[in-house]
PDB file of N, CA and C in Angstrom:
ATOM      1  N   UNK A   1      28.034  26.332 -70.262  1.00  0.00           N
ATOM      2  CA  UNK A   1      29.068  25.557 -70.322  1.00  0.00           C
ATOM      3  C   UNK A   1      29.905  25.270 -71.551  1.00  0.00           C
ATOM      4  N   UNK A   2      31.019  24.779 -71.244  1.00  0.00           N
ATOM      5  CA  UNK A   2      31.613  24.492 -72.579  1.00  0.00           C
ATOM      6  C   UNK A   2      32.529  23.176 -72.534  1.00  0.00           C
ATOM      7  N   UNK A   3      32.553  22.651 -73.759  1.00  0.00           N
ATOM      8  CA  UNK A   3      32.990  21.285 -74.057  1.00  0.00           C
ATOM      9  C   UNK A   3      33.800  21.644 -75.008  1.00  0.00           C
ATOM     10  N   UNK A   4      34.881  20.686 -75.581  1.00  0.00           N
ATOM     11  CA  UNK A   4      35.839  21.064 -76.793  1.00  0.00           C
ATOM     12  C   UNK A   4      35.353  19.765 -77.213  1.00  0.00           C
ATOM     13  N   UNK A   5      35.102  20.286 -78.614  1.00  0.00           N
ATOM     14  CA  UNK A   5      34.870  19.169 -79.816  1.00  0.00           C
ATOM     15  C   UNK A   5      35.594  19.657 -81.086  1.00  0.00           C
ATOM     16  N   UNK A   6      36.432  18.570 -81.232  1.00  0.00           N
ATOM     17  CA  UNK A   6      37.163  18.230 -82.609  1.00  0.00           C
ATOM     18  C   UNK A   6      37.718  19.798 -82.415  1.00  0.00           C
ATOM     19  N   UNK A   7      38.540  19.925 -81.451  1.00  0.00           N
ATOM     20  CA  UNK A   7      39.423  21.268 -81.389  1.00  0.00           C
ATOM     21  C   UNK A   7      39.283  22.721 -80.942  1.00  0.00           C
ATOM     22  N   UNK A   8      37.897  22.611 -81.062  1.00  0.00           N
ATOM     23  CA  UNK A   8      37.038  24.098 -80.681  1.00  0.00           C
ATOM     24  C   UNK A   8      36.365  24.093 -79.414  1.00  0.00           C
ATOM     25  N   UNK A   9      36.507  25.254 -78.834  1.00  0.00           N
ATOM     26  CA  UNK A   9      35.374  25.334 -77.396  1.00  0.00           C
ATOM     27  C   UNK A   9      34.211  25.277 -77.851  1.00  0.00           C
ATOM     28  N   UNK A  10      33.183  24.760 -77.565  1.00  0.00           N
ATOM     29  CA  UNK A  10      31.773  25.015 -77.837  1.00  0.00           C
ATOM     30  C   UNK A  10      30.799  25.321 -76.662  1.00  0.00           C
ATOM     31  N   UNK A  11      30.213  26.586 -77.013  1.00  0.00           N
ATOM     32  CA  UNK A  11      29.641  26.875 -75.937  1.00  0.00           C
ATOM     33  C   UNK A  11      28.014  25.882 -75.737  1.00  0.00           C
ATOM     34  N   UNK A  12      27.270  25.429 -74.650  1.00  0.00           N
ATOM     35  CA  UNK A  12      26.209  25.152 -74.549  1.00  0.00           C
ATOM     36  C   UNK A  12      25.229  25.076 -73.675  1.00  0.00           C
ATOM     37  N   UNK A  13      24.154  24.988 -73.798  1.00  0.00           N
ATOM     38  CA  UNK A  13      23.244  24.833 -72.517  1.00  0.00           C
ATOM     39  C   UNK A  13      22.304  23.546 -72.763  1.00  0.00           C
ATOM     40  N   UNK A  14      21.814  23.349 -71.366  1.00  0.00           N
ATOM     41  CA  UNK A  14      21.027  21.692 -71.051  1.00  0.00           C
ATOM     42  C   UNK A  14      20.553  21.831 -69.649  1.00  0.00           C
ATOM     43  N   UNK A  15      19.245  21.795 -69.878  1.00  0.00           N
ATOM     44  CA  UNK A  15      18.147  22.149 -68.874  1.00  0.00           C
ATOM     45  C   UNK A  15      16.922  21.275 -69.208  1.00  0.00           C
ATOM     46  N   UNK A  16      16.449  20.682 -68.022  1.00  0.00           N
ATOM     47  CA  UNK A  16      15.350  19.635 -68.055  1.00  0.00           C
ATOM     48  C   UNK A  16      15.587  18.294 -67.813  1.00  0.00           C
ATOM     49  N   UNK A  17      14.911  17.513 -67.869  1.00  0.00           N
ATOM     50  CA  UNK A  17      15.063  16.154 -67.800  1.00  0.00           C
ATOM     51  C   UNK A  17      14.017  15.251 -68.753  1.00  0.00           C
ATOM     52  N   UNK A  18      14.606  14.102 -68.629  1.00  0.00           N
ATOM     53  CA  UNK A  18      13.211  13.299 -70.093  1.00  0.00           C
ATOM     54  C   UNK A  18      14.206  13.173 -71.164  1.00  0.00           C
ATOM     55  N   UNK A  19      13.325  13.106 -72.290  1.00  0.00           N
ATOM     56  CA  UNK A  19      13.942  12.693 -73.414  1.00  0.00           C
ATOM     57  C   UNK A  19      14.534  13.676 -74.091  1.00  0.00           C
ATOM     58  N   UNK A  20      15.498  13.781 -74.773  1.00  0.00           N
ATOM     59  CA  UNK A  20      16.426  15.104 -75.244  1.00  0.00           C
ATOM     60  C   UNK A  20      15.822  15.642 -76.364  1.00  0.00           C
ATOM     61  N   UNK A  21      16.002  16.700 -76.415  1.00  0.00           N
ATOM     62  CA  UNK A  21      15.483  17.414 -77.827  1.00  0.00           C
ATOM     63  C   UNK A  21      16.883  18.142 -78.182  1.00  0.00           C
ATOM     64  N   UNK A  22      17.247  18.281 -79.406  1.00  0.00           N
ATOM     65  CA  UNK A  22      18.871  19.352 -79.707  1.00  0.00           C
ATOM     66  C   UNK A  22      18.206  20.272 -80.863  1.00  0.00           C
ATOM     67  N   UNK A  23      18.547  21.571 -80.231  1.00  0.00           N
ATOM     68  CA  UNK A  23      17.851  22.706 -81.109  1.00  0.00           C
ATOM     69  C   UNK A  23      19.272  23.320 -81.818  1.00  0.00           C
ATOM     70  N   UNK A  24      19.088  23.236 -82.937  1.00  0.00           N
ATOM     71  CA  UNK A  24      19.934  24.190 -83.796  1.00  0.00           C
ATOM     72  C   UNK A  24      19.505  25.502 -84.368  1.00  0.00           C
ATOM     73  N   UNK A  25      20.567  26.617 -83.938  1.00  0.00           N
ATOM     74  CA  UNK A  25      20.110  27.753 -83.977  1.00  0.00           C
ATOM     75  C   UNK A  25      20.262  28.223 -85.568  1.00  0.00           C
ATOM     76  N   UNK A  26      19.588  29.483 -86.196  1.00  0.00           N
ATOM     77  CA  UNK A  26      19.547  29.678 -87.425  1.00  0.00           C
ATOM     78  C   UNK A  26      21.133  30.621 -87.582  1.00  0.00           C
ATOM     79  N   UNK A  27      21.459  30.955 -88.779  1.00  0.00           N
ATOM     80  CA  UNK A  27      22.263  31.803 -89.037  1.00  0.00           C
ATOM     81  C   UNK A  27      22.045  33.343 -89.081  1.00  0.00           C
ATOM     82  N   UNK A  28      22.405  34.210 -88.341  1.00  0.00           N
ATOM     83  CA  UNK A  28      23.821  34.381 -87.541  1.00  0.00           C
ATOM     84  C   UNK A  28      23.333  34.162 -86.217  1.00  0.00           C
ATOM     85  N   UNK A  29      22.500  33.767 -85.912  1.00  0.00           N
ATOM     86  CA  UNK A  29      21.926  34.047 -84.164  1.00  0.00           C
ATOM     87  C   UNK A  29      22.884  32.804 -83.188  1.00  0.00           C
ATOM     88  N   UNK A  30      22.337  32.710 -82.296  1.00  0.00           N
ATOM     89  CA  UNK A  30      22.745  31.252 -81.198  1.00  0.00           C
ATOM     90  C   UNK A  30      21.946  30.809 -80.730  1.00  0.00           C
ATOM     91  N   UNK A  31      22.339  30.014 -79.431  1.00  0.00           N
ATOM     92  CA  UNK A  31      21.447  29.493 -78.762  1.00  0.00           C
ATOM     93  C   UNK A  31      20.600  30.125 -77.820  1.00  0.00           C
ATOM     94  N   UNK A  32      20.703  31.361 -77.917  1.00  0.00           N
ATOM     95  CA  UNK A  32      19.739  32.236 -76.990  1.00  0.00           C
ATOM     96  C   UNK A  32      18.250  32.646 -77.940  1.00  0.00           C
ATOM     97  N   UNK A  33      18.278  32.247 -79.250  1.00  0.00           N
ATOM     98  CA  UNK A  33      17.175  32.240 -79.923  1.00  0.00           C
ATOM     99  C   UNK A  33      16.202  30.935 -79.568  1.00  0.00           C
ATOM    100  N   UNK A  34      16.384  30.266 -78.798  1.00  0.00           N
ATOM    101  CA  UNK A  34      15.709  29.184 -78.550  1.00  0.00           C
ATOM    102  C   UNK A  34      15.279  29.131 -77.201  1.00  0.00           C
ATOM    103  N   UNK A  35      15.801  30.263 -76.159  1.00  0.00           N
ATOM    104  CA  UNK A  35      15.053  30.688 -74.942  1.00  0.00           C
ATOM    105  C   UNK A  35      13.517  30.416 -74.643  1.00  0.00           C
ATOM    106  N   UNK A  36      12.738  30.856 -75.269  1.00  0.00           N
ATOM    107  CA  UNK A  36      11.488  30.656 -74.982  1.00  0.00           C
ATOM    108  C   UNK A  36      11.084  29.275 -75.256  1.00  0.00           C
ATOM    109  N   UNK A  37      11.593  28.433 -76.011  1.00  0.00           N
ATOM    110  CA  UNK A  37      11.115  27.146 -76.380  1.00  0.00           C
ATOM    111  C   UNK A  37      11.562  26.304 -75.240  1.00  0.00           C
ATOM    112  N   UNK A  38      12.973  26.612 -75.022  1.00  0.00           N
ATOM    113  CA  UNK A  38      13.880  25.717 -73.878  1.00  0.00           C
ATOM    114  C   UNK A  38      12.905  25.750 -72.594  1.00  0.00           C
ATOM    115  N   UNK A  39      12.678  27.060 -72.193  1.00  0.00           N
ATOM    116  CA  UNK A  39      12.056  27.130 -71.188  1.00  0.00           C
ATOM    117  C   UNK A  39      10.739  26.584 -70.921  1.00  0.00           C
ATOM    118  N   UNK A  40       9.674  26.382 -72.170  1.00  0.00           N
ATOM    119  CA  UNK A  40       8.578  25.691 -72.051  1.00  0.00           C
ATOM    120  C   UNK A  40       8.897  24.306 -72.387  1.00  0.00           C
ATOM    121  N   UNK A  41       9.686  23.309 -72.589  1.00  0.00           N
ATOM    122  CA  UNK A  41      10.276  22.179 -72.960  1.00  0.00           C
ATOM    123  C   UNK A  41      10.688  21.817 -71.600  1.00  0.00           C
ATOM    124  N   UNK A  42      11.287  22.651 -70.782  1.00  0.00           N
ATOM    125  CA  UNK A  42      12.599  22.000 -70.096  1.00  0.00           C
ATOM    126  C   UNK A  42      11.829  21.301 -68.812  1.00  0.00           C
ATOM    127  N   UNK A  43      10.361  21.266 -68.643  1.00  0.00           N
ATOM    128  CA  UNK A  43       9.599  20.979 -67.743  1.00  0.00           C
ATOM    129  C   UNK A  43       9.426  19.472 -67.918  1.00  0.00           C
ATOM    130  N   UNK A  44       9.293  18.861 -69.303  1.00  0.00           N
ATOM    131  CA  UNK A  44       9.018  17.607 -69.542  1.00  0.00           C
ATOM    132  C   UNK A  44      10.314  16.696 -70.155  1.00  0.00           C
ATOM    133  N   UNK A  45      11.112  17.881 -70.768  1.00  0.00           N
ATOM    134  CA  UNK A  45      12.240  17.051 -71.807  1.00  0.00           C
ATOM    135  C   UNK A  45      13.671  17.585 -71.283  1.00  0.00           C
ATOM    136  N   UNK A  46      14.885  16.791 -71.902  1.00  0.00           N
ATOM    137  CA  UNK A  46      16.216  17.521 -71.343  1.00  0.00           C
ATOM    138  C   UNK A  46      16.667  18.535 -72.687  1.00  0.00           C
ATOM    139  N   UNK A  47      16.746  19.727 -72.870  1.00  0.00           N
ATOM    140  CA  UNK A  47      16.861  20.867 -73.883  1.00  0.00           C
ATOM    141  C   UNK A  47      18.148  20.778 -74.005  1.00  0.00           C
ATOM    142  N   UNK A  48      18.887  20.615 -75.162  1.00  0.00           N
ATOM    143  CA  UNK A  48      20.220  20.641 -75.557  1.00  0.00           C
ATOM    144  C   UNK A  48      20.364  21.623 -76.398  1.00  0.00           C
ATOM    145  N   UNK A  49      20.959  22.864 -76.596  1.00  0.00           N
ATOM    146  CA  UNK A  49      21.416  23.915 -77.305  1.00  0.00           C
ATOM    147  C   UNK A  49      22.778  24.215 -77.297  1.00  0.00           C
ATOM    148  N   UNK A  50      23.449  24.464 -78.258  1.00  0.00           N
ATOM    149  CA  UNK A  50      24.735  25.204 -78.645  1.00  0.00           C
ATOM    150  C   UNK A  50      24.793  26.270 -79.553  1.00  0.00           C
ATOM    151  N   UNK A  51      26.077  27.070 -79.069  1.00  0.00           N
ATOM    152  CA  UNK A  51      26.321  28.138 -80.082  1.00  0.00           C
ATOM    153  C   UNK A  51      27.346  27.349 -81.538  1.00  0.00           C
ATOM    154  N   UNK A  52      26.766  27.181 -82.448  1.00  0.00           N
ATOM    155  CA  UNK A  52      27.629  26.730 -83.555  1.00  0.00           C
ATOM    156  C   UNK A  52      28.845  27.426 -83.710  1.00  0.00           C
ATOM    157  N   UNK A  53      30.250  26.707 -83.984  1.00  0.00           N
ATOM    158  CA  UNK A  53      31.541  27.545 -84.109  1.00  0.00           C
ATOM    159  C   UNK A  53      31.447  29.042 -84.677  1.00  0.00           C
ATOM    160  N   UNK A  54      31.902  30.353 -84.014  1.00  0.00           N
ATOM    161  CA  UNK A  54      32.431  31.287 -84.328  1.00  0.00           C
ATOM    162  C   UNK A  54      31.274  31.937 -84.002  1.00  0.00           C
ATOM    163  N   UNK A  55      30.016  31.658 -83.215  1.00  0.00           N
ATOM    164  CA  UNK A  55      28.995  32.048 -82.692  1.00  0.00           C
ATOM    165  C   UNK A  55      28.674  32.428 -81.589  1.00  0.00           C
ATOM    166  N   UNK A  56      28.117  33.281 -80.687  1.00  0.00           N
ATOM    167  CA  UNK A  56      27.964  33.063 -79.423  1.00  0.00           C
ATOM    168  C   UNK A  56      29.297  32.987 -78.714  1.00  0.00           C
ATOM    169  N   UNK A  57      29.212  32.211 -77.711  1.00  0.00           N
ATOM    170  CA  UNK A  57      30.580  31.757 -76.827  1.00  0.00           C
ATOM    171  C   UNK A  57      31.417  30.694 -77.232  1.00  0.00           C
ATOM    172  N   UNK A  58      31.105  30.308 -78.301  1.00  0.00           N
ATOM    173  CA  UNK A  58      31.994  29.090 -79.412  1.00  0.00           C
ATOM    174  C   UNK A  58      33.232  29.961 -80.080  1.00  0.00           C
ATOM    175  N   UNK A  59      34.124  28.750 -80.209  1.00  0.00           N
ATOM    176  CA  UNK A  59      35.237  29.305 -81.124  1.00  0.00           C
ATOM    177  C   UNK A  59      34.975  29.205 -82.332  1.00  0.00           C
ATOM    178  N   UNK A  60      35.726  29.890 -83.444  1.00  0.00           N
ATOM    179  CA  UNK A  60      35.594  29.250 -84.761  1.00  0.00           C
ATOM    180  C   UNK A  60      36.110  27.905 -85.067  1.00  0.00           C
ATOM    181  N   UNK A  61      37.141  27.530 -84.509  1.00  0.00           N
ATOM    182  CA  UNK A  61      37.735  25.960 -84.663  1.00  0.00           C
ATOM    183  C   UNK A  61      38.185  26.708 -85.967  1.00  0.00           C
ATOM    184  N   UNK A  62      38.577  25.021 -86.572  1.00  0.00           N
ATOM    185  CA  UNK A  62      39.614  25.340 -88.140  1.00  0.00           C
ATOM    186  C   UNK A  62      38.614  24.726 -89.098  1.00  0.00           C
ATOM    187  N   UNK A  63      39.210  25.303 -90.496  1.00  0.00           N
ATOM    188  CA  UNK A  63      38.094  24.915 -91.417  1.00  0.00           C
ATOM    189  C   UNK A  63      37.041  25.646 -91.798  1.00  0.00           C
ATOM    190  N   UNK A  64      35.948  25.295 -92.689  1.00  0.00           N
ATOM    191  CA  UNK A  64      34.894  26.298 -92.924  1.00  0.00           C
ATOM    192  C   UNK A  64      33.853  25.677 -91.940  1.00  0.00           C
ATOM    193  N   UNK A  65      32.818  26.439 -91.863  1.00  0.00           N
ATOM    194  CA  UNK A  65      31.917  26.032 -90.992  1.00  0.00           C
ATOM    195  C   UNK A  65      30.467  25.396 -92.087  1.00  0.00           C
ATOM    196  N   UNK A  66      29.971  23.887 -91.895  1.00  0.00           N
ATOM    197  CA  UNK A  66      28.966  23.714 -93.256  1.00  0.00           C
ATOM    198  C   UNK A  66      28.296  23.068 -92.199  1.00  0.00           C
ATOM    199  N   UNK A  67      27.115  22.796 -92.897  1.00  0.00           N
ATOM    200  CA  UNK A  67      26.079  22.219 -92.416  1.00  0.00           C
ATOM    201  C   UNK A  67      26.405  21.489 -91.631  1.00  0.00           C
ATOM    202  N   UNK A  68      27.151  20.207 -92.506  1.00  0.00           N
ATOM    203  CA  UNK A  68      27.614  19.060 -91.805  1.00  0.00           C
ATOM    204  C   UNK A  68      28.388  18.932 -90.635  1.00  0.00           C
ATOM    205  N   UNK A  69      29.365  20.021 -90.423  1.00  0.00           N
ATOM    206  CA  UNK A  69      30.126  20.488 -89.243  1.00  0.00           C
ATOM    207  C   UNK A  69      29.149  20.484 -87.916  1.00  0.00           C
ATOM    208  N   UNK A  70      27.838  21.234 -88.393  1.00  0.00           N
ATOM    209  CA  UNK A  70      27.258  21.414 -87.396  1.00  0.00           C
ATOM    210  C   UNK A  70      26.430  20.650 -86.930  1.00  0.00           C
ATOM    211  N   UNK A  71      26.115  19.865 -87.921  1.00  0.00           N
ATOM    212  CA  UNK A  71      25.098  18.493 -87.427  1.00  0.00           C
ATOM    213  C   UNK A  71      26.394  17.555 -86.560  1.00  0.00           C
ATOM    214  N   UNK A  72      27.661  17.506 -87.154  1.00  0.00           N
ATOM    215  CA  UNK A  72      28.877  17.100 -86.472  1.00  0.00           C
ATOM    216  C   UNK A  72      28.711  16.966 -85.210  1.00  0.00           C
ATOM    217  N   UNK A  73      29.022  18.698 -84.802  1.00  0.00           N
ATOM    218  CA  UNK A  73      28.998  18.960 -83.363  1.00  0.00           C
ATOM    219  C   UNK A  73      27.940  18.530 -82.339  1.00  0.00           C
ATOM    220  N   UNK A  74      26.695  18.706 -83.205  1.00  0.00           N
ATOM    221  CA  UNK A  74      25.490  18.434 -82.462  1.00  0.00           C
ATOM    222  C   UNK A  74      26.191  17.113 -82.192  1.00  0.00           C
ATOM    223  N   UNK A  75      25.926  16.045 -82.772  1.00  0.00           N
ATOM    224  CA  UNK A  75      25.934  14.728 -82.314  1.00  0.00           C
ATOM    225  C   UNK A  75      27.049  14.490 -81.374  1.00  0.00           C
ATOM    226  N   UNK A  76      28.750  15.294 -81.611  1.00  0.00           N
ATOM    227  CA  UNK A  76      29.646  14.937 -80.833  1.00  0.00           C
ATOM    228  C   UNK A  76      29.253  15.507 -79.432  1.00  0.00           C
ATOM    229  N   UNK A  77      28.008  16.489 -79.178  1.00  0.00           N
ATOM    230  CA  UNK A  77      28.097  17.155 -77.893  1.00  0.00           C
ATOM    231  C   UNK A  77      26.892  16.073 -77.604  1.00  0.00           C
ATOM    232  N   UNK A  78      25.969  15.681 -78.154  1.00  0.00           N
ATOM    233  CA  UNK A  78      24.975  14.668 -77.316  1.00  0.00           C
ATOM    234  C   UNK A  78      25.698  13.146 -77.041  1.00  0.00           C
ATOM    235  N   UNK A  79      27.145  13.164 -77.358  1.00  0.00           N
ATOM    236  CA  UNK A  79      27.629  12.307 -77.158  1.00  0.00           C
ATOM    237  C   UNK A  79      28.630  12.056 -75.935  1.00  0.00           C
ATOM    238  N   UNK A  80      29.177  13.722 -75.787  1.00  0.00           N
ATOM    239  CA  UNK A  80      29.730  13.960 -74.943  1.00  0.00           C
ATOM    240  C   UNK A  80      28.940  14.356 -73.459  1.00  0.00           C
ATOM    241  N   UNK A  81      27.470  14.535 -73.774  1.00  0.00           N
ATOM    242  CA  UNK A  81      26.548  14.492 -72.547  1.00  0.00           C
ATOM    243  C   UNK A  81      26.118  12.926 -72.244  1.00  0.00           C
ATOM    244  N   UNK A  82      26.372  12.002 -72.785  1.00  0.00           N
ATOM    245  CA  UNK A  82      25.900  10.810 -73.173  1.00  0.00           C
ATOM    246  C   UNK A  82      24.104  10.277 -73.185  1.00  0.00           C
ATOM    247  N   UNK A  83      24.002  11.265 -73.891  1.00  0.00           N
ATOM    248  CA  UNK A  83      22.582  11.180 -74.829  1.00  0.00           C
ATOM    249  C   UNK A  83      22.721  10.122 -76.108  1.00  0.00           C
ATOM    250  N   UNK A  84      22.090   9.367 -76.042  1.00  0.00           N
ATOM    251  CA  UNK A  84      22.106   8.421 -76.975  1.00  0.00           C
ATOM    252  C   UNK A  84      21.225   8.412 -78.078  1.00  0.00           C
ATOM    253  N   UNK A  85      20.125   9.054 -77.709  1.00  0.00           N
ATOM    254  CA  UNK A  85      19.012   9.441 -79.100  1.00  0.00           C
ATOM    255  C   UNK A  85      18.267  10.933 -78.485  1.00  0.00           C
ATOM    256  N   UNK A  86      17.798  11.615 -79.589  1.00  0.00           N
ATOM    257  CA  UNK A  86      17.204  12.850 -79.636  1.00  0.00           C
ATOM    258  C   UNK A  86      16.440  13.498 -80.567  1.00  0.00           C
ATOM    259  N   UNK A  87      15.773  13.948 -80.283  1.00  0.00           N
ATOM    260  CA  UNK A  87      15.154  14.599 -81.426  1.00  0.00           C
ATOM    261  C   UNK A  87      15.514  15.972 -81.602  1.00  0.00           C
ATOM    262  N   UNK A  88      15.881  16.290 -82.974  1.00  0.00           N
ATOM    263  CA  UNK A  88      16.586  17.306 -83.322  1.00  0.00           C
ATOM    264  C   UNK A  88      15.544  18.159 -84.310  1.00  0.00           C
ATOM    265  N   UNK A  89      15.796  19.479 -83.883  1.00  0.00           N
ATOM    266  CA  UNK A  89      15.097  20.324 -84.497  1.00  0.00           C
ATOM    267  C   UNK A  89      15.818  21.869 -84.862  1.00  0.00           C
ATOM    268  N   UNK A  90      15.578  22.363 -86.114  1.00  0.00           N
ATOM    269  CA  UNK A  90      16.664  23.523 -86.042  1.00  0.00           C
ATOM    270  C   UNK A  90      15.742  24.533 -86.931  1.00  0.00           C
ATOM    271  N   UNK A  91      16.347  25.959 -87.281  1.00  0.00           N
ATOM    272  CA  UNK A  91      15.635  26.817 -87.843  1.00  0.00           C
ATOM    273  C   UNK A  91      16.836  27.305 -88.835  1.00  0.00           C
ATOM    274  N   UNK A  92      16.566  27.869 -90.346  1.00  0.00           N
ATOM    275  CA  UNK A  92      17.322  28.047 -91.130  1.00  0.00           C
ATOM    276  C   UNK A  92      18.369  27.065 -91.304  1.00  0.00           C
ATOM    277  N   UNK A  93      19.727  28.070 -91.404  1.00  0.00           N
ATOM    278  CA  UNK A  93      20.994  26.913 -91.512  1.00  0.00           C
ATOM    279  C   UNK A  93      20.980  25.835 -90.377  1.00  0.00           C
ATOM    280  N   UNK A  94      20.261  26.149 -89.423  1.00  0.00           N
ATOM    281  CA  UNK A  94      20.557  25.162 -88.451  1.00  0.00           C
ATOM    282  C   UNK A  94      19.300  23.598 -88.337  1.00  0.00           C
ATOM    283  N   UNK A  95      18.481  23.890 -89.873  1.00  0.00           N
ATOM    284  CA  UNK A  95      17.430  22.969 -90.077  1.00  0.00           C
ATOM    285  C   UNK A  95      18.200  21.880 -91.052  1.00  0.00           C
TER     286      UNK A  95
END
């Protein structure tokens, strides 16, 4: 699925129902790095993953990619999905 966030088309995946978990991938990987964790958690949680700008299926957008931009995109994606709160996990630059 894709959502337009601050002028960029962002690829994302949502699986499961329950409390939300947002997973942020490492540089230079993508949302698929969380496939096993998403599969393990989707029976009890709503697992949200996305490709950071310029990775996987996401457009690069404008301006530099910073950790703040990744965090903002995650927050905007949660808002787009109607998620009011989530546990956030990340690895490397996504951490």
